[in-house]
């Protein structure tokens, strides 16, 4: 799904106070995955509250690993395994890109990471908590530890922007109406949409809708955001403004991001570490900084993805193929 382009750019780096000690997020419906091996740098598996849901709400530390994926096999019920043995972590303030050509399993992996699908094997831990602890008994609670921005924004069309951002606060907090409105205004200001509180989504450009969707994903002060093709359908100027916003939020608020994308310009501008998927090998074929994978890794799949041209064609290399000027 893609959205129309626009010309809104962020005039200044949005900044704001870091969130409280408990990350929260927009809630997603869905089922999901099974047991797994212990993820690196995570609390022991028995670090649970009496109900088996992990640390009680309000005690999840901000410095906990936002996301740790260990030995994950993903697919759909009754179908083949699409990705095997996927393992990676995301640190606080880090922007990790899930990359790969069409059909390699990026969207499928995202659905598993946010709990919409259940993995065949492996483990997903969010801020040290097993996504599927107790057979999924704590799924809704754990989903509030992260936010999600969908490709088209997925805003409620009959609500204005202020009401869209306020909805998670009304549903999942005990804040008074005045405090809810103030918090929603602050989130819109954080993404450069101050003054657009009473606009309907249908009256906004594609980039503005995506900014509003990020504001809503931030409503419950999450420590981790998942972005699904954030630059899809945007013109280069608008896309660059959105890239700048993501980097600013990551740096100023120590927010972790997982970005599913295939837009190389955005990848090179925003992503700290890339996880490259391959359809033929059904798994992760490379991991590292985008520039390392493009220029130094020597991995054929990585070079093919970042180059997207013949081996002697420098046009496909971000910034030009290294050494092309000397030949």
C-alpha atoms as a PDB file:
ATOM      1  CA  UNK A   1       0.000   0.000   0.000  1.00  0.00           C
ATOM      2  CA  UNK A   2       1.417   3.421  -0.858  1.00  0.00           C
ATOM      3  CA  UNK A   3       0.312   6.966  -0.155  1.00  0.00           C
ATOM      4  CA  UNK A   4       0.316  10.116  -2.221  1.00  0.00           C
ATOM      5  CA  UNK A   5       3.339  12.371  -2.098  1.00  0.00           C
ATOM      6  CA  UNK A   6       3.442  15.803  -0.483  1.00  0.00           C
ATOM      7  CA  UNK A   7       5.709  18.773   0.091  1.00  0.00           C
ATOM      8  CA  UNK A   8       5.652  19.025   3.882  1.00  0.00           C
ATOM      9  CA  UNK A   9       9.114  19.020   5.391  1.00  0.00           C
ATOM     10  CA  UNK A  10      10.183  19.457   8.954  1.00  0.00           C
ATOM     11  CA  UNK A  11      11.399  22.994   9.497  1.00  0.00           C
ATOM     12  CA  UNK A  12      13.223  22.129  12.700  1.00  0.00           C
ATOM     13  CA  UNK A  13      14.402  19.030  14.408  1.00  0.00           C
ATOM     14  CA  UNK A  14      11.486  17.920  16.586  1.00  0.00           C
ATOM     15  CA  UNK A  15      12.649  17.357  20.109  1.00  0.00           C
ATOM     16  CA  UNK A  16      10.970  16.681  23.373  1.00  0.00           C
ATOM     17  CA  UNK A  17      11.444  15.190  26.780  1.00  0.00           C
ATOM     18  CA  UNK A  18      12.160  11.476  26.890  1.00  0.00           C
ATOM     19  CA  UNK A  19       9.293   9.250  27.844  1.00  0.00           C
ATOM     20  CA  UNK A  20       8.702   7.817  31.277  1.00  0.00           C
ATOM     21  CA  UNK A  21      10.279   4.593  32.450  1.00  0.00           C
ATOM     22  CA  UNK A  22       7.565   2.412  30.981  1.00  0.00           C
ATOM     23  CA  UNK A  23       7.415   2.073  27.191  1.00  0.00           C
ATOM     24  CA  UNK A  24       3.907   1.576  25.821  1.00  0.00           C
ATOM     25  CA  UNK A  25       2.325   1.475  22.416  1.00  0.00           C
ATOM     26  CA  UNK A  26      -0.522   1.073  20.025  1.00  0.00           C
ATOM     27  CA  UNK A  27      -2.275  -2.254  20.418  1.00  0.00           C
ATOM     28  CA  UNK A  28      -2.516  -4.720  17.567  1.00  0.00           C
ATOM     29  CA  UNK A  29      -4.837  -7.693  17.295  1.00  0.00           C
ATOM     30  CA  UNK A  30      -3.408 -11.113  16.522  1.00  0.00           C
ATOM     31  CA  UNK A  31      -2.008 -14.528  17.482  1.00  0.00           C
ATOM     32  CA  UNK A  32       1.621 -15.822  17.514  1.00  0.00           C
ATOM     33  CA  UNK A  33       4.691 -17.932  18.307  1.00  0.00           C
ATOM     34  CA  UNK A  34       6.274 -20.697  20.338  1.00  0.00           C
ATOM     35  CA  UNK A  35       9.188 -21.498  22.623  1.00  0.00           C
ATOM     36  CA  UNK A  36      12.817 -20.799  21.858  1.00  0.00           C
ATOM     37  CA  UNK A  37      16.425 -20.561  22.813  1.00  0.00           C
ATOM     38  CA  UNK A  38      17.506 -17.776  25.137  1.00  0.00           C
ATOM     39  CA  UNK A  39      18.301 -14.468  23.405  1.00  0.00           C
ATOM     40  CA  UNK A  40      21.605 -12.732  24.114  1.00  0.00           C
ATOM     41  CA  UNK A  41      21.859 -10.142  26.890  1.00  0.00           C
ATOM     42  CA  UNK A  42      18.373 -10.853  28.175  1.00  0.00           C
ATOM     43  CA  UNK A  43      16.961 -11.589  31.632  1.00  0.00           C
ATOM     44  CA  UNK A  44      16.580 -15.269  32.468  1.00  0.00           C
ATOM     45  CA  UNK A  45      13.468 -17.014  31.237  1.00  0.00           C
ATOM     46  CA  UNK A  46      12.122 -17.379  34.762  1.00  0.00           C
ATOM     47  CA  UNK A  47      12.183 -13.601  35.328  1.00  0.00           C
ATOM     48  CA  UNK A  48       8.412 -13.450  35.474  1.00  0.00           C
ATOM     49  CA  UNK A  49       5.683 -12.018  37.617  1.00  0.00           C
ATOM     50  CA  UNK A  50       3.300 -14.561  39.207  1.00  0.00           C
ATOM     51  CA  UNK A  51       1.064 -14.570  36.144  1.00  0.00           C
ATOM     52  CA  UNK A  52       3.956 -15.513  33.866  1.00  0.00           C
ATOM     53  CA  UNK A  53       3.863 -12.167  32.013  1.00  0.00           C
ATOM     54  CA  UNK A  54       7.293 -10.913  33.043  1.00  0.00           C
ATOM     55  CA  UNK A  55       7.985  -7.811  35.123  1.00  0.00           C
ATOM     56  CA  UNK A  56       4.791  -6.059  36.201  1.00  0.00           C
ATOM     57  CA  UNK A  57       3.771  -2.941  34.315  1.00  0.00           C
ATOM     58  CA  UNK A  58       5.812   0.059  35.418  1.00  0.00           C
ATOM     59  CA  UNK A  59       9.027  -1.846  36.082  1.00  0.00           C
ATOM     60  CA  UNK A  60      10.381  -2.412  32.575  1.00  0.00           C
ATOM     61  CA  UNK A  61      13.711  -0.533  32.500  1.00  0.00           C
ATOM     62  CA  UNK A  62      14.397   1.871  29.647  1.00  0.00           C
ATOM     63  CA  UNK A  63      17.862   0.391  29.141  1.00  0.00           C
ATOM     64  CA  UNK A  64      16.509  -3.126  28.520  1.00  0.00           C
ATOM     65  CA  UNK A  65      17.119  -4.514  25.033  1.00  0.00           C
ATOM     66  CA  UNK A  66      14.097  -3.293  23.009  1.00  0.00           C
ATOM     67  CA  UNK A  67      14.037  -6.351  20.728  1.00  0.00           C
ATOM     68  CA  UNK A  68      15.896  -9.670  20.688  1.00  0.00           C
ATOM     69  CA  UNK A  69      15.026 -12.275  18.062  1.00  0.00           C
ATOM     70  CA  UNK A  70      16.550 -15.721  18.469  1.00  0.00           C
ATOM     71  CA  UNK A  71      16.489 -18.708  16.073  1.00  0.00           C
ATOM     72  CA  UNK A  72      13.133 -17.707  14.577  1.00  0.00           C
ATOM     73  CA  UNK A  73      11.501 -19.817  11.839  1.00  0.00           C
ATOM     74  CA  UNK A  74       8.573 -17.994  10.252  1.00  0.00           C
ATOM     75  CA  UNK A  75       5.802 -18.904   7.872  1.00  0.00           C
ATOM     76  CA  UNK A  76       2.044 -19.304   7.792  1.00  0.00           C
ATOM     77  CA  UNK A  77      -0.015 -22.180   9.221  1.00  0.00           C
ATOM     78  CA  UNK A  78      -0.081 -25.124   6.837  1.00  0.00           C
ATOM     79  CA  UNK A  79       2.543 -23.570   4.572  1.00  0.00           C
ATOM     80  CA  UNK A  80       6.299 -23.916   4.166  1.00  0.00           C
ATOM     81  CA  UNK A  81       8.836 -22.158   6.349  1.00  0.00           C
ATOM     82  CA  UNK A  82       9.606 -18.861   4.605  1.00  0.00           C
ATOM     83  CA  UNK A  83      12.516 -17.735   6.771  1.00  0.00           C
ATOM     84  CA  UNK A  84      14.809 -19.936   8.850  1.00  0.00           C
ATOM     85  CA  UNK A  85      16.914 -19.237  11.919  1.00  0.00           C
ATOM     86  CA  UNK A  86      16.456 -15.451  12.033  1.00  0.00           C
ATOM     87  CA  UNK A  87      18.395 -13.874  14.914  1.00  0.00           C
ATOM     88  CA  UNK A  88      19.201 -10.227  15.631  1.00  0.00           C
ATOM     89  CA  UNK A  89      18.883  -7.598  18.362  1.00  0.00           C
ATOM     90  CA  UNK A  90      17.937  -3.928  18.436  1.00  0.00           C
ATOM     91  CA  UNK A  91      19.570  -1.608  20.966  1.00  0.00           C
ATOM     92  CA  UNK A  92      18.059   1.546  22.515  1.00  0.00           C
ATOM     93  CA  UNK A  93      18.269   4.463  20.080  1.00  0.00           C
ATOM     94  CA  UNK A  94      19.259   2.202  17.187  1.00  0.00           C
ATOM     95  CA  UNK A  95      17.569   2.189  13.775  1.00  0.00           C
ATOM     96  CA  UNK A  96      17.581  -1.302  12.279  1.00  0.00           C
ATOM     97  CA  UNK A  97      16.377  -1.861   8.733  1.00  0.00           C
ATOM     98  CA  UNK A  98      14.759  -5.082   7.538  1.00  0.00           C
ATOM     99  CA  UNK A  99      15.784  -5.138   3.888  1.00  0.00           C
ATOM    100  CA  UNK A 100      15.449  -7.362   0.886  1.00  0.00           C
ATOM    101  CA  UNK A 101      13.823  -7.661  -2.526  1.00  0.00           C
ATOM    102  CA  UNK A 102      10.097  -8.123  -2.972  1.00  0.00           C
ATOM    103  CA  UNK A 103       8.845 -11.515  -1.818  1.00  0.00           C
ATOM    104  CA  UNK A 104      11.754 -12.238   0.523  1.00  0.00           C
ATOM    105  CA  UNK A 105       9.593 -12.240   3.673  1.00  0.00           C
ATOM    106  CA  UNK A 106      10.002  -8.730   5.103  1.00  0.00           C
ATOM    107  CA  UNK A 107       6.305  -8.203   5.785  1.00  0.00           C
ATOM    108  CA  UNK A 108       5.913 -11.751   7.074  1.00  0.00           C
ATOM    109  CA  UNK A 109       8.755 -11.224   9.538  1.00  0.00           C
ATOM    110  CA  UNK A 110       7.202  -7.937  10.677  1.00  0.00           C
ATOM    111  CA  UNK A 111       3.873  -9.657  11.334  1.00  0.00           C
ATOM    112  CA  UNK A 112       5.659 -12.146  13.564  1.00  0.00           C
ATOM    113  CA  UNK A 113       7.621  -9.463  15.406  1.00  0.00           C
ATOM    114  CA  UNK A 114       4.467  -7.575  16.394  1.00  0.00           C
ATOM    115  CA  UNK A 115       2.566 -10.710  17.367  1.00  0.00           C
ATOM    116  CA  UNK A 116       0.147 -11.025  14.452  1.00  0.00           C
ATOM    117  CA  UNK A 117       1.511 -14.443  13.516  1.00  0.00           C
ATOM    118  CA  UNK A 118       2.996 -17.245  15.601  1.00  0.00           C
ATOM    119  CA  UNK A 119       6.432 -18.542  14.648  1.00  0.00           C
ATOM    120  CA  UNK A 120       7.079 -22.253  14.225  1.00  0.00           C
ATOM    121  CA  UNK A 121      10.129 -22.082  16.492  1.00  0.00           C
ATOM    122  CA  UNK A 122      12.267 -19.431  18.104  1.00  0.00           C
ATOM    123  CA  UNK A 123      11.846 -16.597  20.544  1.00  0.00           C
ATOM    124  CA  UNK A 124      10.974 -12.913  20.389  1.00  0.00           C
ATOM    125  CA  UNK A 125      11.729 -10.820  23.461  1.00  0.00           C
ATOM    126  CA  UNK A 126      10.620  -7.219  23.863  1.00  0.00           C
ATOM    127  CA  UNK A 127      12.369  -5.310  26.648  1.00  0.00           C
ATOM    128  CA  UNK A 128      13.361  -8.654  28.131  1.00  0.00           C
ATOM    129  CA  UNK A 129       9.849 -10.118  28.006  1.00  0.00           C
ATOM    130  CA  UNK A 130       8.924 -13.159  25.957  1.00  0.00           C
ATOM    131  CA  UNK A 131       6.239 -12.147  23.462  1.00  0.00           C
ATOM    132  CA  UNK A 132       4.563 -15.518  23.818  1.00  0.00           C
ATOM    133  CA  UNK A 133       5.041 -16.149  27.539  1.00  0.00           C
ATOM    134  CA  UNK A 134       2.229 -18.236  28.981  1.00  0.00           C
ATOM    135  CA  UNK A 135       1.051 -19.274  25.516  1.00  0.00           C
ATOM    136  CA  UNK A 136       0.215 -15.688  24.598  1.00  0.00           C
ATOM    137  CA  UNK A 137      -1.627 -14.855  27.824  1.00  0.00           C
ATOM    138  CA  UNK A 138       0.278 -11.561  28.103  1.00  0.00           C
ATOM    139  CA  UNK A 139       0.238 -10.656  24.412  1.00  0.00           C
ATOM    140  CA  UNK A 140      -1.960  -7.566  24.696  1.00  0.00           C
ATOM    141  CA  UNK A 141       0.050  -6.237  27.613  1.00  0.00           C
ATOM    142  CA  UNK A 142       3.387  -6.743  25.862  1.00  0.00           C
ATOM    143  CA  UNK A 143       2.095  -5.110  22.677  1.00  0.00           C
ATOM    144  CA  UNK A 144       1.847  -1.879  24.618  1.00  0.00           C
ATOM    145  CA  UNK A 145       5.629  -1.809  24.827  1.00  0.00           C
ATOM    146  CA  UNK A 146       5.927  -0.776  21.165  1.00  0.00           C
ATOM    147  CA  UNK A 147       4.237   1.337  18.515  1.00  0.00           C
ATOM    148  CA  UNK A 148       3.517   0.605  14.858  1.00  0.00           C
ATOM    149  CA  UNK A 149       3.242   2.832  11.808  1.00  0.00           C
ATOM    150  CA  UNK A 150       1.550   1.052   8.900  1.00  0.00           C
ATOM    151  CA  UNK A 151       2.303   1.781   5.247  1.00  0.00           C
ATOM    152  CA  UNK A 152      -0.732   3.963   4.630  1.00  0.00           C
ATOM    153  CA  UNK A 153      -0.878   5.341   8.160  1.00  0.00           C
ATOM    154  CA  UNK A 154      -4.105   3.455   9.031  1.00  0.00           C
ATOM    155  CA  UNK A 155      -5.604   6.545  10.672  1.00  0.00           C
ATOM    156  CA  UNK A 156      -9.293   6.532  11.572  1.00  0.00           C
ATOM    157  CA  UNK A 157     -10.919   8.485   8.766  1.00  0.00           C
ATOM    158  CA  UNK A 158     -13.827   9.818  10.817  1.00  0.00           C
ATOM    159  CA  UNK A 159     -11.542  11.251  13.534  1.00  0.00           C
ATOM    160  CA  UNK A 160      -9.341  14.319  13.276  1.00  0.00           C
ATOM    161  CA  UNK A 161      -5.611  14.083  14.003  1.00  0.00           C
ATOM    162  CA  UNK A 162      -5.973  15.087  17.647  1.00  0.00           C
ATOM    163  CA  UNK A 163      -8.627  12.413  18.202  1.00  0.00           C
ATOM    164  CA  UNK A 164      -6.529   9.794  16.381  1.00  0.00           C
ATOM    165  CA  UNK A 165      -3.507  10.406  18.595  1.00  0.00           C
ATOM    166  CA  UNK A 166      -5.649  10.659  21.734  1.00  0.00           C
ATOM    167  CA  UNK A 167      -7.413   7.327  21.195  1.00  0.00           C
ATOM    168  CA  UNK A 168      -4.700   5.047  22.696  1.00  0.00           C
ATOM    169  CA  UNK A 169      -4.471   7.389  25.688  1.00  0.00           C
ATOM    170  CA  UNK A 170      -8.227   7.238  26.259  1.00  0.00           C
ATOM    171  CA  UNK A 171      -8.324   3.465  25.862  1.00  0.00           C
ATOM    172  CA  UNK A 172      -5.270   2.439  27.877  1.00  0.00           C
ATOM    173  CA  UNK A 173      -4.569   5.131  30.472  1.00  0.00           C
ATOM    174  CA  UNK A 174      -6.461   6.784  33.320  1.00  0.00           C
ATOM    175  CA  UNK A 175      -5.468  10.313  32.303  1.00  0.00           C
ATOM    176  CA  UNK A 176      -8.126  12.985  32.574  1.00  0.00           C
ATOM    177  CA  UNK A 177      -9.515  14.432  29.317  1.00  0.00           C
ATOM    178  CA  UNK A 178      -7.485  17.627  29.622  1.00  0.00           C
ATOM    179  CA  UNK A 179      -4.253  15.693  30.122  1.00  0.00           C
ATOM    180  CA  UNK A 180      -5.085  13.407  27.186  1.00  0.00           C
ATOM    181  CA  UNK A 181      -5.566  16.392  24.893  1.00  0.00           C
ATOM    182  CA  UNK A 182      -2.337  18.018  26.081  1.00  0.00           C
ATOM    183  CA  UNK A 183      -0.357  14.810  25.529  1.00  0.00           C
ATOM    184  CA  UNK A 184      -1.863  14.345  22.047  1.00  0.00           C
ATOM    185  CA  UNK A 185      -0.962  17.916  21.083  1.00  0.00           C
ATOM    186  CA  UNK A 186       2.602  17.393  22.263  1.00  0.00           C
ATOM    187  CA  UNK A 187       2.963  14.238  20.151  1.00  0.00           C
ATOM    188  CA  UNK A 188       1.685  16.044  17.054  1.00  0.00           C
ATOM    189  CA  UNK A 189       4.104  18.897  17.698  1.00  0.00           C
ATOM    190  CA  UNK A 190       6.902  16.348  18.053  1.00  0.00           C
ATOM    191  CA  UNK A 191       6.388  15.218  14.449  1.00  0.00           C
ATOM    192  CA  UNK A 192       5.945  18.719  13.021  1.00  0.00           C
ATOM    193  CA  UNK A 193       2.132  18.775  12.886  1.00  0.00           C
ATOM    194  CA  UNK A 194       1.354  21.512  15.389  1.00  0.00           C
ATOM    195  CA  UNK A 195      -1.570  23.504  13.965  1.00  0.00           C
ATOM    196  CA  UNK A 196      -3.074  20.496  12.164  1.00  0.00           C
ATOM    197  CA  UNK A 197      -4.876  19.033  15.192  1.00  0.00           C
ATOM    198  CA  UNK A 198      -8.379  19.417  13.751  1.00  0.00           C
ATOM    199  CA  UNK A 199      -7.647  18.309  10.195  1.00  0.00           C
ATOM    200  CA  UNK A 200      -9.214  15.086   8.912  1.00  0.00           C
ATOM    201  CA  UNK A 201      -6.818  12.500   7.473  1.00  0.00           C
ATOM    202  CA  UNK A 202      -8.492  12.785   4.059  1.00  0.00           C
ATOM    203  CA  UNK A 203      -7.509  16.461   3.822  1.00  0.00           C
ATOM    204  CA  UNK A 204      -3.806  15.767   4.389  1.00  0.00           C
ATOM    205  CA  UNK A 205      -1.019  14.724   2.050  1.00  0.00           C
ATOM    206  CA  UNK A 206       0.612  11.305   2.272  1.00  0.00           C
ATOM    207  CA  UNK A 207       3.633  12.476   4.221  1.00  0.00           C
ATOM    208  CA  UNK A 208       1.502  14.326   6.764  1.00  0.00           C
ATOM    209  CA  UNK A 209      -0.619  11.226   7.322  1.00  0.00           C
ATOM    210  CA  UNK A 210       2.533   9.194   7.971  1.00  0.00           C
ATOM    211  CA  UNK A 211       3.771  11.777  10.456  1.00  0.00           C
ATOM    212  CA  UNK A 212       0.400  11.654  12.194  1.00  0.00           C
ATOM    213  CA  UNK A 213       0.611   7.861  12.312  1.00  0.00           C
ATOM    214  CA  UNK A 214       4.031   8.127  13.983  1.00  0.00           C
ATOM    215  CA  UNK A 215       2.551  10.572  16.511  1.00  0.00           C
ATOM    216  CA  UNK A 216      -0.188   8.058  17.345  1.00  0.00           C
ATOM    217  CA  UNK A 217       2.375   5.243  17.642  1.00  0.00           C
ATOM    218  CA  UNK A 218       4.220   7.444  20.165  1.00  0.00           C
ATOM    219  CA  UNK A 219       1.112   8.152  22.255  1.00  0.00           C
ATOM    220  CA  UNK A 220       1.857   5.645  25.025  1.00  0.00           C
ATOM    221  CA  UNK A 221       5.577   6.505  25.276  1.00  0.00           C
ATOM    222  CA  UNK A 222       6.988   3.348  23.644  1.00  0.00           C
ATOM    223  CA  UNK A 223      10.659   2.529  23.593  1.00  0.00           C
ATOM    224  CA  UNK A 224      10.397   0.784  20.204  1.00  0.00           C
ATOM    225  CA  UNK A 225       8.634   1.698  16.951  1.00  0.00           C
ATOM    226  CA  UNK A 226       8.031  -0.526  13.928  1.00  0.00           C
ATOM    227  CA  UNK A 227       7.732   1.385  10.635  1.00  0.00           C
ATOM    228  CA  UNK A 228       6.335  -0.413   7.598  1.00  0.00           C
ATOM    229  CA  UNK A 229       7.636   1.130   4.354  1.00  0.00           C
ATOM    230  CA  UNK A 230       7.596   4.708   5.724  1.00  0.00           C
ATOM    231  CA  UNK A 231       8.866   6.270   2.473  1.00  0.00           C
ATOM    232  CA  UNK A 232       6.575   4.366   0.113  1.00  0.00           C
ATOM    233  CA  UNK A 233       4.727   6.687  -2.253  1.00  0.00           C
ATOM    234  CA  UNK A 234       6.471   9.870  -1.117  1.00  0.00           C
ATOM    235  CA  UNK A 235       8.384  12.339  -3.248  1.00  0.00           C
ATOM    236  CA  UNK A 236      12.130  12.692  -2.524  1.00  0.00           C
ATOM    237  CA  UNK A 237      11.816  15.945  -0.538  1.00  0.00           C
ATOM    238  CA  UNK A 238       9.043  14.619   1.687  1.00  0.00           C
ATOM    239  CA  UNK A 239      10.843  11.302   2.130  1.00  0.00           C
ATOM    240  CA  UNK A 240      14.006  13.121   3.214  1.00  0.00           C
ATOM    241  CA  UNK A 241      11.995  15.075   5.784  1.00  0.00           C
ATOM    242  CA  UNK A 242      10.548  11.859   7.185  1.00  0.00           C
ATOM    243  CA  UNK A 243      14.012  10.291   7.326  1.00  0.00           C
ATOM    244  CA  UNK A 244      15.255  13.295   9.310  1.00  0.00           C
ATOM    245  CA  UNK A 245      12.333  12.980  11.712  1.00  0.00           C
ATOM    246  CA  UNK A 246      13.080   9.304  12.388  1.00  0.00           C
ATOM    247  CA  UNK A 247      16.751   9.983  13.095  1.00  0.00           C
ATOM    248  CA  UNK A 248      15.891  12.901  15.376  1.00  0.00           C
ATOM    249  CA  UNK A 249      13.423  10.844  17.400  1.00  0.00           C
ATOM    250  CA  UNK A 250      15.934   8.010  17.718  1.00  0.00           C
ATOM    251  CA  UNK A 251      18.733  10.288  18.885  1.00  0.00           C
ATOM    252  CA  UNK A 252      16.802  12.705  21.095  1.00  0.00           C
ATOM    253  CA  UNK A 253      14.487  10.192  22.773  1.00  0.00           C
ATOM    254  CA  UNK A 254      16.681   7.043  22.588  1.00  0.00           C
ATOM    255  CA  UNK A 255      13.869   5.369  20.662  1.00  0.00           C
ATOM    256  CA  UNK A 256      14.657   2.128  18.874  1.00  0.00           C
ATOM    257  CA  UNK A 257      13.258   1.656  15.371  1.00  0.00           C
ATOM    258  CA  UNK A 258      12.715  -1.375  13.175  1.00  0.00           C
ATOM    259  CA  UNK A 259      12.123  -0.138   9.628  1.00  0.00           C
ATOM    260  CA  UNK A 260      10.883  -2.420   6.872  1.00  0.00           C
ATOM    261  CA  UNK A 261      11.853  -0.831   3.572  1.00  0.00           C
ATOM    262  CA  UNK A 262      13.458  -1.245   0.176  1.00  0.00           C
ATOM    263  CA  UNK A 263      14.097   2.480  -0.459  1.00  0.00           C
ATOM    264  CA  UNK A 264      17.884   2.688  -0.746  1.00  0.00           C
ATOM    265  CA  UNK A 265      18.067   6.462  -0.302  1.00  0.00           C
ATOM    266  CA  UNK A 266      16.236   6.239   3.018  1.00  0.00           C
ATOM    267  CA  UNK A 267      18.278   3.220   4.065  1.00  0.00           C
ATOM    268  CA  UNK A 268      21.572   5.035   3.525  1.00  0.00           C
ATOM    269  CA  UNK A 269      20.273   8.168   5.280  1.00  0.00           C
ATOM    270  CA  UNK A 270      18.710   6.627   8.380  1.00  0.00           C
ATOM    271  CA  UNK A 271      19.574   2.985   9.070  1.00  0.00           C
ATOM    272  CA  UNK A 272      22.354   2.189  11.557  1.00  0.00           C
ATOM    273  CA  UNK A 273      22.320  -1.556  10.926  1.00  0.00           C
ATOM    274  CA  UNK A 274      20.673  -3.552   8.174  1.00  0.00           C
ATOM    275  CA  UNK A 275      19.323  -7.097   8.282  1.00  0.00           C
ATOM    276  CA  UNK A 276      19.236  -8.329   4.693  1.00  0.00           C
ATOM    277  CA  UNK A 277      16.846 -11.161   3.807  1.00  0.00           C
ATOM    278  CA  UNK A 278      17.087 -13.404   0.761  1.00  0.00           C
ATOM    279  CA  UNK A 279      14.238 -15.377  -0.788  1.00  0.00           C
ATOM    280  CA  UNK A 280      16.362 -18.173  -2.249  1.00  0.00           C
ATOM    281  CA  UNK A 281      18.282 -18.812   0.973  1.00  0.00           C
ATOM    282  CA  UNK A 282      15.170 -18.273   3.103  1.00  0.00           C
ATOM    283  CA  UNK A 283      16.865 -16.287   5.801  1.00  0.00           C
ATOM    284  CA  UNK A 284      19.329 -13.571   6.772  1.00  0.00           C
ATOM    285  CA  UNK A 285      22.258 -13.417   4.352  1.00  0.00           C
ATOM    286  CA  UNK A 286      23.992 -10.295   5.681  1.00  0.00           C
ATOM    287  CA  UNK A 287      23.942  -7.949   8.640  1.00  0.00           C
ATOM    288  CA  UNK A 288      25.829  -4.712   9.222  1.00  0.00           C
ATOM    289  CA  UNK A 289      25.880  -1.022   8.380  1.00  0.00           C
ATOM    290  CA  UNK A 290      24.396  -0.254   4.943  1.00  0.00           C
ATOM    291  CA  UNK A 291      27.662   1.260   3.708  1.00  0.00           C
ATOM    292  CA  UNK A 292      29.641  -1.781   4.797  1.00  0.00           C
ATOM    293  CA  UNK A 293      27.214  -4.138   3.084  1.00  0.00           C
ATOM    294  CA  UNK A 294      27.188  -2.045  -0.089  1.00  0.00           C
ATOM    295  CA  UNK A 295      30.889  -1.335  -0.404  1.00  0.00           C
ATOM    296  CA  UNK A 296      32.976  -3.696   1.702  1.00  0.00           C
ATOM    297  CA  UNK A 297      31.145  -6.911   2.553  1.00  0.00           C
ATOM    298  CA  UNK A 298      31.868  -8.819  -0.646  1.00  0.00           C
ATOM    299  CA  UNK A 299      28.575 -10.689  -0.142  1.00  0.00           C
ATOM    300  CA  UNK A 300      26.959 -11.197  -3.587  1.00  0.00           C
ATOM    301  CA  UNK A 301      23.377 -10.838  -2.319  1.00  0.00           C
ATOM    302  CA  UNK A 302      24.242  -7.610  -0.502  1.00  0.00           C
ATOM    303  CA  UNK A 303      26.023  -6.119  -3.488  1.00  0.00           C
ATOM    304  CA  UNK A 304      23.164  -7.136  -5.788  1.00  0.00           C
ATOM    305  CA  UNK A 305      20.578  -5.527  -3.502  1.00  0.00           C
ATOM    306  CA  UNK A 306      22.429  -2.249  -2.977  1.00  0.00           C
ATOM    307  CA  UNK A 307      23.780  -2.019  -6.519  1.00  0.00           C
ATOM    308  CA  UNK A 308      20.637  -3.036  -8.432  1.00  0.00           C
ATOM    309  CA  UNK A 309      22.594  -2.833 -11.672  1.00  0.00           C
ATOM    310  CA  UNK A 310      25.094  -4.834 -13.679  1.00  0.00           C
ATOM    311  CA  UNK A 311      28.498  -5.479 -12.092  1.00  0.00           C
ATOM    312  CA  UNK A 312      30.169  -2.785 -14.239  1.00  0.00           C
ATOM    313  CA  UNK A 313      27.388  -0.188 -13.879  1.00  0.00           C
ATOM    314  CA  UNK A 314      28.138   2.438 -11.202  1.00  0.00           C
ATOM    315  CA  UNK A 315      24.659   3.979 -11.421  1.00  0.00           C
ATOM    316  CA  UNK A 316      23.183   1.432  -9.030  1.00  0.00           C
ATOM    317  CA  UNK A 317      25.688   2.112  -6.222  1.00  0.00           C
ATOM    318  CA  UNK A 318      24.546   4.577  -3.563  1.00  0.00           C
ATOM    319  CA  UNK A 319      26.849   7.547  -4.168  1.00  0.00           C
ATOM    320  CA  UNK A 320      28.467   5.775  -7.149  1.00  0.00           C
ATOM    321  CA  UNK A 321      30.420   2.555  -7.208  1.00  0.00           C
ATOM    322  CA  UNK A 322      33.625   2.758  -5.143  1.00  0.00           C
ATOM    323  CA  UNK A 323      36.648   3.312  -7.350  1.00  0.00           C
ATOM    324  CA  UNK A 324      34.544   4.015 -10.444  1.00  0.00           C
ATOM    325  CA  UNK A 325      36.149   7.451 -10.909  1.00  0.00           C
ATOM    326  CA  UNK A 326      39.622   5.933 -11.071  1.00  0.00           C
ATOM    327  CA  UNK A 327      38.831   3.467 -13.857  1.00  0.00           C
END
